[in-house]
Amino acid sequence: QVQLVESGGGLVQPGGSLRLSCAASGGIFSIYTMTWYRQAPGKQRELVARITSEGTTYYADSVKGRFTISRDNAKSTLYLQMNSLKPEDTAVYYCNRAPRLDTSEVWGQGTQVTVSS
């Protein structure tokens, strides 16, 4: 069974940092494009950052220069380093494994990030 489990969320002050992790199991992690999404209360889910199997990255304009997505294929783990956090970064952050021709999309359960004084 394919599973994604996010961790690392919590409460942090504005300007602080958090590192989110997404541990994958049950698949060949290295071949998948992986994405971090987030959803704040009352807002639609939005793409935060994406990394392909080749290591190419994409970031939403709102997080460019502050967030860094990375992956450790040996550990089957996706990361999101979040620096200079702002209150508007408050959301539930979800890890996503992209579908391929013979595999379905997979979502993690989410981890709460709260940026507040």
Protein backbone atom coordinates (compact mmCIF):
# COMPACT_ATOMS: atom_id res chain seq x y z
CA GLN A 1 0.00 0.00 0.00
CA VAL A 2 1.38 3.39 -1.03
CA GLN A 3 1.51 5.86 1.83
CA LEU A 4 2.72 9.42 2.35
CA VAL A 5 3.15 10.74 5.88
CA GLU A 6 3.92 14.40 6.52
CA SER A 7 5.63 15.65 9.65
CA GLY A 8 7.40 18.71 10.97
CA GLY A 9 4.54 21.14 11.23
CA GLY A 10 3.86 23.24 14.27
CA LEU A 11 3.60 26.73 15.68
CA VAL A 12 6.29 29.22 14.74
CA GLN A 13 6.70 32.98 15.04
CA PRO A 14 6.83 35.23 11.98
CA GLY A 15 10.32 35.19 10.54
CA GLY A 16 10.97 31.72 11.86
CA SER A 17 11.69 28.47 10.06
CA LEU A 18 10.26 24.98 9.80
CA ARG A 19 11.32 21.91 7.88
CA LEU A 20 8.54 19.63 6.70
CA SER A 21 9.13 16.02 5.79
CA CYS A 22 7.07 13.59 3.74
CA ALA A 23 8.00 9.96 4.15
CA ALA A 24 6.92 7.70 1.31
CA SER A 25 6.45 3.97 1.39
CA GLY A 26 5.08 1.31 -0.91
CA GLY A 27 6.38 2.68 -4.20
CA ILE A 28 9.46 3.50 -6.23
CA PHE A 29 9.93 6.98 -4.83
CA SER A 30 12.68 8.14 -7.17
CA ILE A 31 10.58 8.06 -10.36
CA TYR A 32 7.79 10.33 -9.16
CA THR A 33 7.24 14.03 -9.36
CA MET A 34 6.48 15.19 -5.82
CA THR A 35 4.59 18.30 -4.80
CA TRP A 36 3.81 20.25 -1.66
CA TYR A 37 0.36 21.83 -1.54
CA ARG A 38 -1.25 23.87 1.18
CA GLN A 39 -4.76 24.86 2.13
CA ALA A 40 -5.68 27.66 4.51
CA PRO A 41 -9.12 27.99 6.11
CA GLY A 42 -11.61 29.42 3.64
CA LYS A 43 -9.17 29.22 0.74
CA GLN A 44 -8.61 26.84 -2.13
CA ARG A 45 -5.75 24.39 -2.13
CA GLU A 46 -2.68 25.86 -3.79
CA LEU A 47 0.54 24.46 -5.15
CA VAL A 48 3.53 25.51 -3.06
CA ALA A 49 6.49 23.73 -4.61
CA ARG A 50 7.21 20.82 -6.93
CA ILE A 51 10.22 18.68 -7.71
CA THR A 52 10.51 16.24 -10.59
CA SER A 53 12.30 12.93 -10.69
CA GLU A 54 15.20 14.72 -12.38
CA GLY A 55 15.38 17.30 -9.60
CA THR A 56 13.84 20.22 -11.46
CA THR A 57 11.99 22.50 -9.06
CA TYR A 58 9.06 24.88 -9.30
CA TYR A 59 7.82 27.35 -6.69
CA ALA A 60 4.75 29.46 -6.28
CA ASP A 61 5.58 33.15 -6.52
CA SER A 62 4.46 33.65 -2.94
CA VAL A 63 7.21 31.39 -1.57
CA LYS A 64 10.09 31.95 -4.00
CA GLY A 65 13.26 32.83 -2.17
CA ARG A 66 11.88 31.61 1.15
CA PHE A 67 11.04 27.94 0.64
CA THR A 68 13.21 25.15 -0.73
CA ILE A 69 11.90 21.79 -1.89
CA SER A 70 14.24 18.83 -1.97
CA ARG A 71 14.18 15.07 -2.01
CA ASP A 72 16.32 12.27 -0.67
CA ASN A 73 15.63 9.27 -2.86
CA ALA A 74 17.74 6.98 -0.69
CA LYS A 75 15.40 7.77 2.21
CA SER A 76 12.24 7.99 0.08
CA THR A 77 11.58 11.35 1.68
CA LEU A 78 10.45 14.73 0.39
CA TYR A 79 11.33 17.93 2.27
CA LEU A 80 10.18 21.51 2.38
CA GLN A 81 12.48 23.96 4.11
CA MET A 82 10.46 27.03 5.02
CA ASN A 83 12.30 30.18 6.06
CA SER A 84 11.17 33.72 6.78
CA LEU A 85 7.71 32.45 7.55
CA LYS A 86 4.77 34.82 7.37
CA PRO A 87 1.31 34.59 8.94
CA GLU A 88 -0.12 34.03 5.46
CA ASP A 89 1.86 30.78 5.28
CA THR A 90 -0.48 29.35 7.90
CA ALA A 91 -2.17 26.31 6.38
CA VAL A 92 -2.33 22.56 6.33
CA TYR A 93 0.51 21.37 4.14
CA TYR A 94 0.02 18.25 2.05
CA CYS A 95 2.47 16.01 0.25
CA ASN A 96 1.43 14.66 -3.15
CA ARG A 97 2.80 11.98 -5.44
CA ALA A 98 1.94 12.62 -9.06
CA PRO A 99 0.14 9.98 -11.09
CA ARG A 100 1.84 8.06 -13.85
CA LEU A 101 0.38 5.90 -16.59
CA ASP A 102 -0.01 2.91 -14.30
CA THR A 103 -0.24 4.49 -10.85
CA SER A 104 -2.70 6.81 -9.17
CA GLU A 105 -2.19 10.12 -7.42
CA VAL A 106 -1.44 9.79 -3.71
CA TRP A 107 -1.95 12.34 -0.92
CA GLY A 108 -0.64 12.50 2.59
CA GLN A 109 -2.82 13.35 5.57
CA GLY A 110 -1.38 16.82 5.99
CA THR A 111 0.53 18.65 8.68
CA GLN A 112 -0.54 21.93 10.27
CA VAL A 113 1.73 24.95 10.04
CA THR A 114 0.74 27.97 12.10
CA VAL A 115 2.72 31.20 11.88
CA SER A 116 1.69 33.57 14.64
CA SER A 117 3.03 35.81 17.37
